[in-house]
Amino acid sequence: MVAHQARTDYISAMTTRYFEHDIFQQHITPPGHPERVDRLRALEEALSADPFAALDRAQAPRAPDEAVLLAHPERFLDKVRDAIPETGMVRIDNDTVASPKSLEAAMHAIGAAMAAVDGVFAGTFDNAFVAARPPGHHAEKETAMGFCLFNTAAIAARHAQKAHGAERVAIIDWDVHHGNGTQDIFWDDATVLYCSTHQMPLYPGTGARDETGEHGTIVNAPLSPGAAGEAFREAFRSRVLDSIDEFGPDLIIVSAGFDAHIRDPLANINLVEEDFDWATGRLIEAAGRHADNRLVSLLEGGYDLQGLAASAAMHINRLMRG
């Protein structure tokens, strides 16, 4: 494992950095599309409350184009780059849309995730939340899909390994849709643990319990439609937390989708804000045991504005409190 580094800025509460950028609101999708600009606007309104006055905010830097190559081949980068329109919108597939600023938004999302990884390894802050769009966990090695262009979580994990010597990285995905892209990228990789709770059956159709990867480092915990907090917490305890403890990661990355909320229109899992707060607390504890508190959270799904804003705000507040 990587050596623990001295921290000169430690205080009793966790130090949390929040990455944001106006470019994320310039990734435009058609009217009625669930992955829309209003998602970030709703979150920003929730973060105007008093508990977030001390939140350490930073502008998301742009990653260089070659950062994409940490998780995707160059021909795929070229394919996405060539698909970006000069005006209007184009459909990458039935669900995934690109507009003129979509590539820039995706590159700033990657840049923020990489900067978050850099910060937690430097000890500048304990954890971070990246409020970016488009999301990333459905993007496979050579396929953009499910609202996603590039797999930000996968790139962040590879960056931690390449730039900071992380031997083991855990990616924990509680989006209601299975992260087929992250599973695809790390299927045969013993150095990255991928754990997912998700509704099944549901898009994209992957994520069965027997999908374990070449080295047993893929851990799926599918939930039946209608499942609520008790079932989610049991799956999280028995499948996710136990796997983290066995794996012993140097960094925890969260694919933080909030579409398992009871209000969300795209699925039928009945979580409430307190369930995300509970799961966040358990991951903070795991990061404390194994990773010197290093935790990076990336916004994925969540399509009911009220459910998304309340759940993400509670998640961020727990990151700040520890």
C-alpha atoms as a PDB file:
ATOM      1  CA  MET A   1       0.000   0.000   0.000  1.00  0.00           C
ATOM      2  CA  VAL A   2       1.107   3.600  -0.442  1.00  0.00           C
ATOM      3  CA  ALA A   3       2.769   5.179   2.538  1.00  0.00           C
ATOM      4  CA  HIS A   4       0.655   7.472   4.679  1.00  0.00           C
ATOM      5  CA  GLN A   5       1.677  11.081   4.246  1.00  0.00           C
ATOM      6  CA  ALA A   6       1.880  13.629   7.034  1.00  0.00           C
ATOM      7  CA  ARG A   7      -0.997  16.083   7.200  1.00  0.00           C
ATOM      8  CA  THR A   8      -0.310  19.588   8.386  1.00  0.00           C
ATOM      9  CA  ASP A   9      -3.848  20.914   7.970  1.00  0.00           C
ATOM     10  CA  TYR A  10      -5.782  18.342   9.990  1.00  0.00           C
ATOM     11  CA  ILE A  11      -8.775  19.485  12.008  1.00  0.00           C
ATOM     12  CA  SER A  12     -11.333  17.485  13.951  1.00  0.00           C
ATOM     13  CA  ALA A  13     -13.924  17.550  11.160  1.00  0.00           C
ATOM     14  CA  MET A  14     -13.238  16.202   7.706  1.00  0.00           C
ATOM     15  CA  THR A  15     -11.899  18.655   5.146  1.00  0.00           C
ATOM     16  CA  THR A  16     -13.959  18.460   1.961  1.00  0.00           C
ATOM     17  CA  ARG A  17     -13.379  20.123  -1.396  1.00  0.00           C
ATOM     18  CA  TYR A  18     -16.279  20.704  -3.783  1.00  0.00           C
ATOM     19  CA  PHE A  19     -15.437  20.956  -7.484  1.00  0.00           C
ATOM     20  CA  GLU A  20     -17.744  22.917  -9.770  1.00  0.00           C
ATOM     21  CA  HIS A  21     -17.622  24.801 -13.076  1.00  0.00           C
ATOM     22  CA  ASP A  22     -20.044  26.690 -15.305  1.00  0.00           C
ATOM     23  CA  ILE A  23     -19.051  24.461 -18.238  1.00  0.00           C
ATOM     24  CA  PHE A  24     -21.114  21.639 -16.736  1.00  0.00           C
ATOM     25  CA  GLN A  25     -24.253  23.670 -17.412  1.00  0.00           C
ATOM     26  CA  GLN A  26     -23.253  24.086 -21.056  1.00  0.00           C
ATOM     27  CA  HIS A  27     -23.632  20.371 -21.805  1.00  0.00           C
ATOM     28  CA  ILE A  28     -27.084  20.702 -23.365  1.00  0.00           C
ATOM     29  CA  THR A  29     -29.638  17.918 -23.740  1.00  0.00           C
ATOM     30  CA  PRO A  30     -33.074  18.015 -25.438  1.00  0.00           C
ATOM     31  CA  PRO A  31     -36.203  19.205 -23.613  1.00  0.00           C
ATOM     32  CA  GLY A  32     -37.561  16.403 -21.466  1.00  0.00           C
ATOM     33  CA  HIS A  33     -34.218  14.597 -21.233  1.00  0.00           C
ATOM     34  CA  PRO A  34     -33.685  13.414 -17.642  1.00  0.00           C
ATOM     35  CA  GLU A  35     -29.958  14.293 -17.566  1.00  0.00           C
ATOM     36  CA  ARG A  36     -30.426  18.055 -17.725  1.00  0.00           C
ATOM     37  CA  VAL A  37     -28.876  21.315 -16.586  1.00  0.00           C
ATOM     38  CA  ASP A  38     -31.508  21.746 -13.859  1.00  0.00           C
ATOM     39  CA  ARG A  39     -29.898  18.901 -11.894  1.00  0.00           C
ATOM     40  CA  LEU A  40     -26.900  21.043 -10.976  1.00  0.00           C
ATOM     41  CA  ARG A  41     -29.039  24.114 -10.410  1.00  0.00           C
ATOM     42  CA  ALA A  42     -31.140  22.204  -7.889  1.00  0.00           C
ATOM     43  CA  LEU A  43     -28.022  20.995  -6.091  1.00  0.00           C
ATOM     44  CA  GLU A  44     -26.566  24.495  -6.006  1.00  0.00           C
ATOM     45  CA  GLU A  45     -29.747  25.814  -4.404  1.00  0.00           C
ATOM     46  CA  ALA A  46     -29.581  23.110  -1.732  1.00  0.00           C
ATOM     47  CA  LEU A  47     -25.964  24.030  -1.006  1.00  0.00           C
ATOM     48  CA  SER A  48     -26.914  27.651  -0.323  1.00  0.00           C
ATOM     49  CA  ALA A  49     -28.094  26.576   3.149  1.00  0.00           C
ATOM     50  CA  ASP A  50     -26.090  27.543   6.244  1.00  0.00           C
ATOM     51  CA  PRO A  51     -24.364  24.167   6.822  1.00  0.00           C
ATOM     52  CA  PHE A  52     -22.502  24.618   3.534  1.00  0.00           C
ATOM     53  CA  ALA A  53     -21.196  28.141   4.107  1.00  0.00           C
ATOM     54  CA  ALA A  54     -17.794  26.701   5.009  1.00  0.00           C
ATOM     55  CA  LEU A  55     -17.649  24.306   2.059  1.00  0.00           C
ATOM     56  CA  ASP A  56     -14.299  24.624   0.286  1.00  0.00           C
ATOM     57  CA  ARG A  57     -15.221  25.283  -3.338  1.00  0.00           C
ATOM     58  CA  ALA A  58     -12.846  25.053  -6.291  1.00  0.00           C
ATOM     59  CA  GLN A  59     -13.139  25.424 -10.039  1.00  0.00           C
ATOM     60  CA  ALA A  60     -12.823  22.159 -11.921  1.00  0.00           C
ATOM     61  CA  PRO A  61      -9.668  22.205 -14.052  1.00  0.00           C
ATOM     62  CA  ARG A  62      -9.660  20.850 -17.580  1.00  0.00           C
ATOM     63  CA  ALA A  63      -7.848  17.570 -18.055  1.00  0.00           C
ATOM     64  CA  PRO A  64      -5.598  17.171 -21.075  1.00  0.00           C
ATOM     65  CA  ASP A  65      -7.166  15.072 -23.791  1.00  0.00           C
ATOM     66  CA  GLU A  66      -4.631  12.291 -23.206  1.00  0.00           C
ATOM     67  CA  ALA A  67      -6.079  11.704 -19.726  1.00  0.00           C
ATOM     68  CA  VAL A  68      -8.926   9.857 -21.438  1.00  0.00           C
ATOM     69  CA  LEU A  69      -6.363   7.266 -22.537  1.00  0.00           C
ATOM     70  CA  LEU A  70      -5.946   6.104 -18.950  1.00  0.00           C
ATOM     71  CA  ALA A  71      -9.172   4.114 -19.403  1.00  0.00           C
ATOM     72  CA  HIS A  72     -10.083   4.297 -23.108  1.00  0.00           C
ATOM     73  CA  PRO A  73      -8.178   3.652 -26.355  1.00  0.00           C
ATOM     74  CA  GLU A  74      -7.186   6.597 -28.537  1.00  0.00           C
ATOM     75  CA  ARG A  75      -9.526   5.544 -31.331  1.00  0.00           C
ATOM     76  CA  PHE A  76     -12.465   5.945 -28.928  1.00  0.00           C
ATOM     77  CA  LEU A  77     -11.332   9.433 -27.905  1.00  0.00           C
ATOM     78  CA  ASP A  78     -11.127  10.334 -31.583  1.00  0.00           C
ATOM     79  CA  LYS A  79     -14.600   8.907 -32.191  1.00  0.00           C
ATOM     80  CA  VAL A  80     -16.158  11.005 -29.438  1.00  0.00           C
ATOM     81  CA  ARG A  81     -14.222  14.103 -30.450  1.00  0.00           C
ATOM     82  CA  ASP A  82     -15.400  13.721 -34.043  1.00  0.00           C
ATOM     83  CA  ALA A  83     -19.018  13.333 -32.925  1.00  0.00           C
ATOM     84  CA  ILE A  84     -19.199  16.708 -31.177  1.00  0.00           C
ATOM     85  CA  PRO A  85     -21.315  19.077 -33.305  1.00  0.00           C
ATOM     86  CA  GLU A  86     -20.453  22.702 -34.057  1.00  0.00           C
ATOM     87  CA  THR A  87     -24.092  23.660 -33.473  1.00  0.00           C
ATOM     88  CA  GLY A  88     -27.228  21.951 -32.213  1.00  0.00           C
ATOM     89  CA  MET A  89     -27.207  18.446 -30.779  1.00  0.00           C
ATOM     90  CA  VAL A  90     -26.365  14.953 -31.998  1.00  0.00           C
ATOM     91  CA  ARG A  91     -27.335  11.591 -30.556  1.00  0.00           C
ATOM     92  CA  ILE A  92     -24.488   9.244 -29.746  1.00  0.00           C
ATOM     93  CA  ASP A  93     -27.149   6.608 -29.066  1.00  0.00           C
ATOM     94  CA  ASN A  94     -30.824   6.700 -28.137  1.00  0.00           C
ATOM     95  CA  ASP A  95     -30.038   8.073 -24.659  1.00  0.00           C
ATOM     96  CA  THR A  96     -26.731   9.884 -25.024  1.00  0.00           C
ATOM     97  CA  VAL A  97     -26.592  13.379 -26.495  1.00  0.00           C
ATOM     98  CA  ALA A  98     -23.698  15.658 -27.375  1.00  0.00           C
ATOM     99  CA  SER A  99     -23.794  19.414 -27.925  1.00  0.00           C
ATOM    100  CA  PRO A 100     -20.970  21.839 -28.818  1.00  0.00           C
ATOM    101  CA  LYS A 101     -19.626  22.119 -25.251  1.00  0.00           C
ATOM    102  CA  SER A 102     -20.115  18.473 -24.250  1.00  0.00           C
ATOM    103  CA  LEU A 103     -16.502  17.464 -24.811  1.00  0.00           C
ATOM    104  CA  GLU A 104     -15.276  20.421 -22.757  1.00  0.00           C
ATOM    105  CA  ALA A 105     -17.688  19.526 -19.960  1.00  0.00           C
ATOM    106  CA  ALA A 106     -16.477  15.929 -19.962  1.00  0.00           C
ATOM    107  CA  MET A 107     -12.835  17.009 -19.897  1.00  0.00           C
ATOM    108  CA  HIS A 108     -13.452  19.339 -16.955  1.00  0.00           C
ATOM    109  CA  ALA A 109     -15.245  16.488 -15.159  1.00  0.00           C
ATOM    110  CA  ILE A 110     -12.172  14.329 -15.672  1.00  0.00           C
ATOM    111  CA  GLY A 111      -9.893  17.177 -14.618  1.00  0.00           C
ATOM    112  CA  ALA A 112     -11.861  17.697 -11.416  1.00  0.00           C
ATOM    113  CA  ALA A 113     -11.746  13.995 -10.583  1.00  0.00           C
ATOM    114  CA  MET A 114      -7.993  13.920 -11.139  1.00  0.00           C
ATOM    115  CA  ALA A 115      -7.495  17.068  -9.053  1.00  0.00           C
ATOM    116  CA  ALA A 116      -9.590  15.512  -6.305  1.00  0.00           C
ATOM    117  CA  VAL A 117      -7.352  12.437  -6.346  1.00  0.00           C
ATOM    118  CA  ASP A 118      -4.260  14.654  -6.248  1.00  0.00           C
ATOM    119  CA  GLY A 119      -5.646  16.584  -3.290  1.00  0.00           C
ATOM    120  CA  VAL A 120      -6.488  13.603  -1.119  1.00  0.00           C
ATOM    121  CA  PHE A 121      -3.075  12.031  -1.742  1.00  0.00           C
ATOM    122  CA  ALA A 122      -1.302  15.319  -0.989  1.00  0.00           C
ATOM    123  CA  GLY A 123      -3.300  15.672   2.226  1.00  0.00           C
ATOM    124  CA  THR A 124      -4.710  19.036   1.134  1.00  0.00           C
ATOM    125  CA  PHE A 125      -8.190  17.753   2.022  1.00  0.00           C
ATOM    126  CA  ASP A 126      -9.597  14.440   3.232  1.00  0.00           C
ATOM    127  CA  ASN A 127     -12.296  13.964   0.649  1.00  0.00           C
ATOM    128  CA  ALA A 128     -13.925  15.650  -2.311  1.00  0.00           C
ATOM    129  CA  PHE A 129     -17.170  15.838  -4.248  1.00  0.00           C
ATOM    130  CA  VAL A 130     -17.211  16.536  -7.979  1.00  0.00           C
ATOM    131  CA  ALA A 131     -20.482  18.129  -9.115  1.00  0.00           C
ATOM    132  CA  ALA A 132     -20.064  17.454 -12.821  1.00  0.00           C
ATOM    133  CA  ARG A 133     -22.010  16.344 -15.829  1.00  0.00           C
ATOM    134  CA  PRO A 134     -22.174  14.400 -18.078  1.00  0.00           C
ATOM    135  CA  PRO A 135     -21.929  11.365 -15.781  1.00  0.00           C
ATOM    136  CA  GLY A 136     -19.563   8.516 -16.586  1.00  0.00           C
ATOM    137  CA  HIS A 137     -20.189   5.044 -15.187  1.00  0.00           C
ATOM    138  CA  HIS A 138     -21.965   3.603 -18.247  1.00  0.00           C
ATOM    139  CA  ALA A 139     -19.100   4.468 -20.612  1.00  0.00           C
ATOM    140  CA  GLU A 140     -17.331   1.245 -21.557  1.00  0.00           C
ATOM    141  CA  LYS A 141     -13.825   1.003 -22.997  1.00  0.00           C
ATOM    142  CA  GLU A 142     -15.039   1.833 -26.496  1.00  0.00           C
ATOM    143  CA  THR A 143     -18.716   2.697 -26.100  1.00  0.00           C
ATOM    144  CA  ALA A 144     -20.372   5.931 -24.985  1.00  0.00           C
ATOM    145  CA  MET A 145     -23.849   5.180 -23.648  1.00  0.00           C
ATOM    146  CA  GLY A 146     -26.368   5.825 -20.896  1.00  0.00           C
ATOM    147  CA  PHE A 147     -25.839   9.635 -20.874  1.00  0.00           C
ATOM    148  CA  CYS A 148     -22.056   9.035 -20.471  1.00  0.00           C
ATOM    149  CA  LEU A 149     -19.171   9.924 -22.797  1.00  0.00           C
ATOM    150  CA  PHE A 150     -16.074   8.893 -20.809  1.00  0.00           C
ATOM    151  CA  ASN A 151     -15.749   6.879 -17.609  1.00  0.00           C
ATOM    152  CA  THR A 152     -14.606   9.509 -15.128  1.00  0.00           C
ATOM    153  CA  ALA A 153     -14.369   7.135 -12.155  1.00  0.00           C
ATOM    154  CA  ALA A 154     -12.190   4.705 -14.093  1.00  0.00           C
ATOM    155  CA  ILE A 155      -9.873   7.477 -15.257  1.00  0.00           C
ATOM    156  CA  ALA A 156      -9.591   8.770 -11.680  1.00  0.00           C
ATOM    157  CA  ALA A 157      -8.667   5.301 -10.428  1.00  0.00           C
ATOM    158  CA  ARG A 158      -5.989   4.891 -13.085  1.00  0.00           C
ATOM    159  CA  HIS A 159      -4.649   8.360 -12.292  1.00  0.00           C
ATOM    160  CA  ALA A 160      -4.319   7.417  -8.615  1.00  0.00           C
ATOM    161  CA  GLN A 161      -2.296   4.384  -9.619  1.00  0.00           C
ATOM    162  CA  LYS A 162      -0.111   6.121 -12.186  1.00  0.00           C
ATOM    163  CA  ALA A 163       0.519   9.426 -10.407  1.00  0.00           C
ATOM    164  CA  HIS A 164       0.423   8.394  -6.740  1.00  0.00           C
ATOM    165  CA  GLY A 165       1.456   4.763  -6.640  1.00  0.00           C
ATOM    166  CA  ALA A 166      -1.877   3.488  -5.354  1.00  0.00           C
ATOM    167  CA  GLU A 167      -1.712  -0.289  -5.423  1.00  0.00           C
ATOM    168  CA  ARG A 168      -5.422  -0.880  -4.867  1.00  0.00           C
ATOM    169  CA  VAL A 169      -8.401   1.381  -5.599  1.00  0.00           C
ATOM    170  CA  ALA A 170     -12.025   0.640  -4.693  1.00  0.00           C
ATOM    171  CA  ILE A 171     -14.871   2.110  -6.741  1.00  0.00           C
ATOM    172  CA  ILE A 172     -18.209   1.973  -4.924  1.00  0.00           C
ATOM    173  CA  ASP A 173     -21.253   2.611  -7.112  1.00  0.00           C
ATOM    174  CA  TRP A 174     -24.677   3.125  -5.543  1.00  0.00           C
ATOM    175  CA  ASP A 175     -26.350   4.563  -8.635  1.00  0.00           C
ATOM    176  CA  VAL A 176     -29.615   2.708  -9.236  1.00  0.00           C
ATOM    177  CA  HIS A 177     -28.343   1.631 -12.662  1.00  0.00           C
ATOM    178  CA  HIS A 178     -25.459  -0.803 -12.840  1.00  0.00           C
ATOM    179  CA  GLY A 179     -22.148   0.714 -13.906  1.00  0.00           C
ATOM    180  CA  ASN A 180     -21.551  -1.579 -16.850  1.00  0.00           C
ATOM    181  CA  GLY A 181     -18.786   0.660 -18.121  1.00  0.00           C
ATOM    182  CA  THR A 182     -16.730   0.516 -14.945  1.00  0.00           C
ATOM    183  CA  GLN A 183     -17.237  -3.239 -14.777  1.00  0.00           C
ATOM    184  CA  ASP A 184     -16.133  -3.577 -18.404  1.00  0.00           C
ATOM    185  CA  ILE A 185     -12.961  -1.561 -17.892  1.00  0.00           C
ATOM    186  CA  PHE A 186     -11.846  -3.409 -14.744  1.00  0.00           C
ATOM    187  CA  TRP A 187     -13.198  -6.899 -15.472  1.00  0.00           C
ATOM    188  CA  ASP A 188      -9.740  -8.473 -15.658  1.00  0.00           C
ATOM    189  CA  ASP A 189      -7.927  -6.124 -13.248  1.00  0.00           C
ATOM    190  CA  ALA A 190      -6.966  -7.409  -9.797  1.00  0.00           C
ATOM    191  CA  THR A 191      -5.900  -3.941  -8.602  1.00  0.00           C
ATOM    192  CA  VAL A 192      -9.330  -2.269  -8.743  1.00  0.00           C
ATOM    193  CA  LEU A 193     -12.338  -3.400  -6.716  1.00  0.00           C
ATOM    194  CA  TYR A 194     -15.707  -2.482  -8.234  1.00  0.00           C
ATOM    195  CA  CYS A 195     -18.769  -2.840  -5.989  1.00  0.00           C
ATOM    196  CA  SER A 196     -22.265  -1.915  -7.161  1.00  0.00           C
ATOM    197  CA  THR A 197     -25.707  -1.805  -5.608  1.00  0.00           C
ATOM    198  CA  HIS A 198     -28.392  -1.347  -8.262  1.00  0.00           C
ATOM    199  CA  GLN A 199     -31.888  -2.331  -9.278  1.00  0.00           C
ATOM    200  CA  MET A 200     -32.185  -5.484 -11.347  1.00  0.00           C
ATOM    201  CA  PRO A 201     -33.785  -5.956 -13.797  1.00  0.00           C
ATOM    202  CA  LEU A 202     -33.164  -2.464 -15.156  1.00  0.00           C
ATOM    203  CA  TYR A 203     -31.013  -0.686 -17.733  1.00  0.00           C
ATOM    204  CA  PRO A 204     -28.353  -1.621 -18.834  1.00  0.00           C
ATOM    205  CA  GLY A 205     -29.124  -5.264 -17.998  1.00  0.00           C
ATOM    206  CA  THR A 206     -25.763  -6.140 -16.440  1.00  0.00           C
ATOM    207  CA  GLY A 207     -24.782  -6.568 -12.805  1.00  0.00           C
ATOM    208  CA  ALA A 208     -25.846 -10.075 -11.753  1.00  0.00           C
ATOM    209  CA  ARG A 209     -24.279 -11.505  -8.607  1.00  0.00           C
ATOM    210  CA  ASP A 210     -22.357 -14.086 -10.613  1.00  0.00           C
ATOM    211  CA  GLU A 211     -20.564 -11.399 -12.629  1.00  0.00           C
ATOM    212  CA  THR A 212     -17.385 -11.378 -10.547  1.00  0.00           C
ATOM    213  CA  GLY A 213     -14.575 -10.598 -12.997  1.00  0.00           C
ATOM    214  CA  GLU A 214     -11.395 -12.540 -13.709  1.00  0.00           C
ATOM    215  CA  HIS A 215     -10.038 -12.013 -10.186  1.00  0.00           C
ATOM    216  CA  GLY A 216     -13.180 -11.807  -8.053  1.00  0.00           C
ATOM    217  CA  THR A 217     -12.843  -8.035  -7.783  1.00  0.00           C
ATOM    218  CA  ILE A 218     -16.260  -7.315  -9.303  1.00  0.00           C
ATOM    219  CA  VAL A 219     -18.902  -7.392  -6.557  1.00  0.00           C
ATOM    220  CA  ASN A 220     -22.508  -6.891  -7.599  1.00  0.00           C
ATOM    221  CA  ALA A 221     -25.353  -6.551  -5.121  1.00  0.00           C
ATOM    222  CA  PRO A 222     -28.546  -6.318  -7.196  1.00  0.00           C
ATOM    223  CA  LEU A 223     -31.735  -5.143  -5.504  1.00  0.00           C
ATOM    224  CA  SER A 224     -35.251  -6.165  -6.491  1.00  0.00           C
ATOM    225  CA  PRO A 225     -37.716  -3.514  -7.677  1.00  0.00           C
ATOM    226  CA  GLY A 226     -39.453  -2.016  -4.671  1.00  0.00           C
ATOM    227  CA  ALA A 227     -36.533  -2.588  -2.295  1.00  0.00           C
ATOM    228  CA  ALA A 228     -36.087   0.070   0.363  1.00  0.00           C
ATOM    229  CA  GLY A 229     -33.507   1.149   2.901  1.00  0.00           C
ATOM    230  CA  GLU A 230     -33.341  -2.053   4.917  1.00  0.00           C
ATOM    231  CA  ALA A 231     -32.500  -4.193   1.871  1.00  0.00           C
ATOM    232  CA  PHE A 232     -30.016  -1.625   0.590  1.00  0.00           C
ATOM    233  CA  ARG A 233     -28.212  -1.392   3.924  1.00  0.00           C
ATOM    234  CA  GLU A 234     -28.013  -5.161   4.296  1.00  0.00           C
ATOM    235  CA  ALA A 235     -26.561  -5.513   0.791  1.00  0.00           C
ATOM    236  CA  PHE A 236     -24.138  -2.698   1.511  1.00  0.00           C
ATOM    237  CA  ARG A 237     -22.965  -4.274   4.764  1.00  0.00           C
ATOM    238  CA  SER A 238     -22.636  -7.843   3.555  1.00  0.00           C
ATOM    239  CA  ARG A 239     -21.412  -7.309   0.003  1.00  0.00           C
ATOM    240  CA  VAL A 240     -19.778  -3.889  -0.246  1.00  0.00           C
ATOM    241  CA  LEU A 241     -18.272  -3.148   3.170  1.00  0.00           C
ATOM    242  CA  ASP A 242     -16.976  -6.673   3.696  1.00  0.00           C
ATOM    243  CA  SER A 243     -15.346  -6.572   0.253  1.00  0.00           C
ATOM    244  CA  ILE A 244     -13.665  -3.256   1.012  1.00  0.00           C
ATOM    245  CA  ASP A 245     -12.244  -4.603   4.249  1.00  0.00           C
ATOM    246  CA  GLU A 246     -10.917  -7.701   2.520  1.00  0.00           C
ATOM    247  CA  PHE A 247      -9.439  -5.685  -0.357  1.00  0.00           C
ATOM    248  CA  GLY A 248      -7.803  -2.903   1.704  1.00  0.00           C
ATOM    249  CA  PRO A 249      -7.822  -0.034  -0.810  1.00  0.00           C
ATOM    250  CA  ASP A 250      -5.492   2.974  -0.825  1.00  0.00           C
ATOM    251  CA  LEU A 251      -8.338   5.148  -2.159  1.00  0.00           C
ATOM    252  CA  ILE A 252     -12.131   4.912  -2.286  1.00  0.00           C
ATOM    253  CA  ILE A 253     -13.945   6.455  -5.255  1.00  0.00           C
ATOM    254  CA  VAL A 254     -17.736   6.755  -5.084  1.00  0.00           C
ATOM    255  CA  SER A 255     -19.916   6.730  -8.180  1.00  0.00           C
ATOM    256  CA  ALA A 256     -22.577   8.702  -6.350  1.00  0.00           C
ATOM    257  CA  GLY A 257     -25.846   8.434  -8.205  1.00  0.00           C
ATOM    258  CA  PHE A 258     -28.972   9.430  -6.312  1.00  0.00           C
ATOM    259  CA  ASP A 259     -31.559   7.828  -8.590  1.00  0.00           C
ATOM    260  CA  ALA A 260     -32.292   5.051  -6.086  1.00  0.00           C
ATOM    261  CA  HIS A 261     -34.300   7.710  -4.247  1.00  0.00           C
ATOM    262  CA  ILE A 262     -37.987   6.926  -3.835  1.00  0.00           C
ATOM    263  CA  ARG A 263     -38.957   9.991  -5.915  1.00  0.00           C
ATOM    264  CA  ASP A 264     -36.812   9.162  -8.942  1.00  0.00           C
ATOM    265  CA  PRO A 265     -38.764   8.548 -12.163  1.00  0.00           C
ATOM    266  CA  LEU A 266     -36.319   6.143 -13.852  1.00  0.00           C
ATOM    267  CA  ALA A 267     -36.326   3.287 -11.345  1.00  0.00           C
ATOM    268  CA  ASN A 268     -38.206   1.657  -8.494  1.00  0.00           C
ATOM    269  CA  ILE A 269     -35.908   1.571  -5.469  1.00  0.00           C
ATOM    270  CA  ASN A 270     -37.270   3.366  -2.420  1.00  0.00           C
ATOM    271  CA  LEU A 271     -34.306   4.949  -0.666  1.00  0.00           C
ATOM    272  CA  VAL A 272     -34.527   8.225   1.245  1.00  0.00           C
ATOM    273  CA  GLU A 273     -31.878  10.820   2.026  1.00  0.00           C
ATOM    274  CA  GLU A 274     -30.932   9.146   5.306  1.00  0.00           C
ATOM    275  CA  ASP A 275     -29.922   5.975   3.444  1.00  0.00           C
ATOM    276  CA  PHE A 276     -27.324   7.893   1.434  1.00  0.00           C
ATOM    277  CA  ASP A 277     -26.142   9.602   4.618  1.00  0.00           C
ATOM    278  CA  TRP A 278     -25.726   6.198   6.284  1.00  0.00           C
ATOM    279  CA  ALA A 279     -23.810   4.738   3.324  1.00  0.00           C
ATOM    280  CA  THR A 280     -21.565   7.800   3.178  1.00  0.00           C
ATOM    281  CA  GLY A 281     -20.739   7.383   6.847  1.00  0.00           C
ATOM    282  CA  ARG A 282     -19.810   3.751   6.365  1.00  0.00           C
ATOM    283  CA  LEU A 283     -17.501   4.596   3.462  1.00  0.00           C
ATOM    284  CA  ILE A 284     -15.844   7.381   5.458  1.00  0.00           C
ATOM    285  CA  GLU A 285     -15.172   4.816   8.185  1.00  0.00           C
ATOM    286  CA  ALA A 286     -13.751   2.380   5.627  1.00  0.00           C
ATOM    287  CA  ALA A 287     -11.546   5.109   4.150  1.00  0.00           C
ATOM    288  CA  GLY A 288     -10.305   5.834   7.660  1.00  0.00           C
ATOM    289  CA  ARG A 289      -9.430   2.183   8.239  1.00  0.00           C
ATOM    290  CA  HIS A 290      -7.677   1.575   4.956  1.00  0.00           C
ATOM    291  CA  ALA A 291      -6.957   4.736   2.977  1.00  0.00           C
ATOM    292  CA  ASP A 292      -5.901   7.504   5.379  1.00  0.00           C
ATOM    293  CA  ASN A 293      -9.386   9.024   4.884  1.00  0.00           C
ATOM    294  CA  ARG A 294      -8.902   9.358   1.110  1.00  0.00           C
ATOM    295  CA  LEU A 295     -12.321   9.390  -0.561  1.00  0.00           C
ATOM    296  CA  VAL A 296     -13.401  11.006  -3.846  1.00  0.00           C
ATOM    297  CA  SER A 297     -17.090  11.172  -4.760  1.00  0.00           C
ATOM    298  CA  LEU A 298     -18.329  11.786  -8.300  1.00  0.00           C
ATOM    299  CA  LEU A 299     -21.898  12.729  -9.201  1.00  0.00           C
ATOM    300  CA  GLU A 300     -23.550  10.158 -11.439  1.00  0.00           C
ATOM    301  CA  GLY A 301     -27.356   9.868 -11.773  1.00  0.00           C
ATOM    302  CA  GLY A 302     -30.352  11.300  -9.952  1.00  0.00           C
ATOM    303  CA  TYR A 303     -33.217  12.676 -12.005  1.00  0.00           C
ATOM    304  CA  ASP A 304     -35.864  13.900  -9.594  1.00  0.00           C
ATOM    305  CA  LEU A 305     -34.633  17.364  -8.708  1.00  0.00           C
ATOM    306  CA  GLN A 306     -35.896  17.351  -5.137  1.00  0.00           C
ATOM    307  CA  GLY A 307     -34.636  13.843  -4.400  1.00  0.00           C
ATOM    308  CA  LEU A 308     -31.274  14.542  -6.013  1.00  0.00           C
ATOM    309  CA  ALA A 309     -30.701  17.863  -4.257  1.00  0.00           C
ATOM    310  CA  ALA A 310     -31.705  16.647  -0.799  1.00  0.00           C
ATOM    311  CA  SER A 311     -29.751  13.397  -1.062  1.00  0.00           C
ATOM    312  CA  ALA A 312     -26.582  14.910  -2.532  1.00  0.00           C
ATOM    313  CA  ALA A 313     -26.655  17.713   0.038  1.00  0.00           C
ATOM    314  CA  MET A 314     -26.880  15.184   2.861  1.00  0.00           C
ATOM    315  CA  HIS A 315     -24.049  13.181   1.282  1.00  0.00           C
ATOM    316  CA  ILE A 316     -21.832  16.267   1.051  1.00  0.00           C
ATOM    317  CA  ASN A 317     -22.719  17.350   4.577  1.00  0.00           C
ATOM    318  CA  ARG A 318     -21.665  13.919   5.878  1.00  0.00           C
ATOM    319  CA  LEU A 319     -18.394  14.189   3.941  1.00  0.00           C
ATOM    320  CA  MET A 320     -17.789  17.499   5.704  1.00  0.00           C
ATOM    321  CA  ARG A 321     -18.673  16.160   9.161  1.00  0.00           C
ATOM    322  CA  GLY A 322     -16.996  12.785   8.877  1.00  0.00           C
END
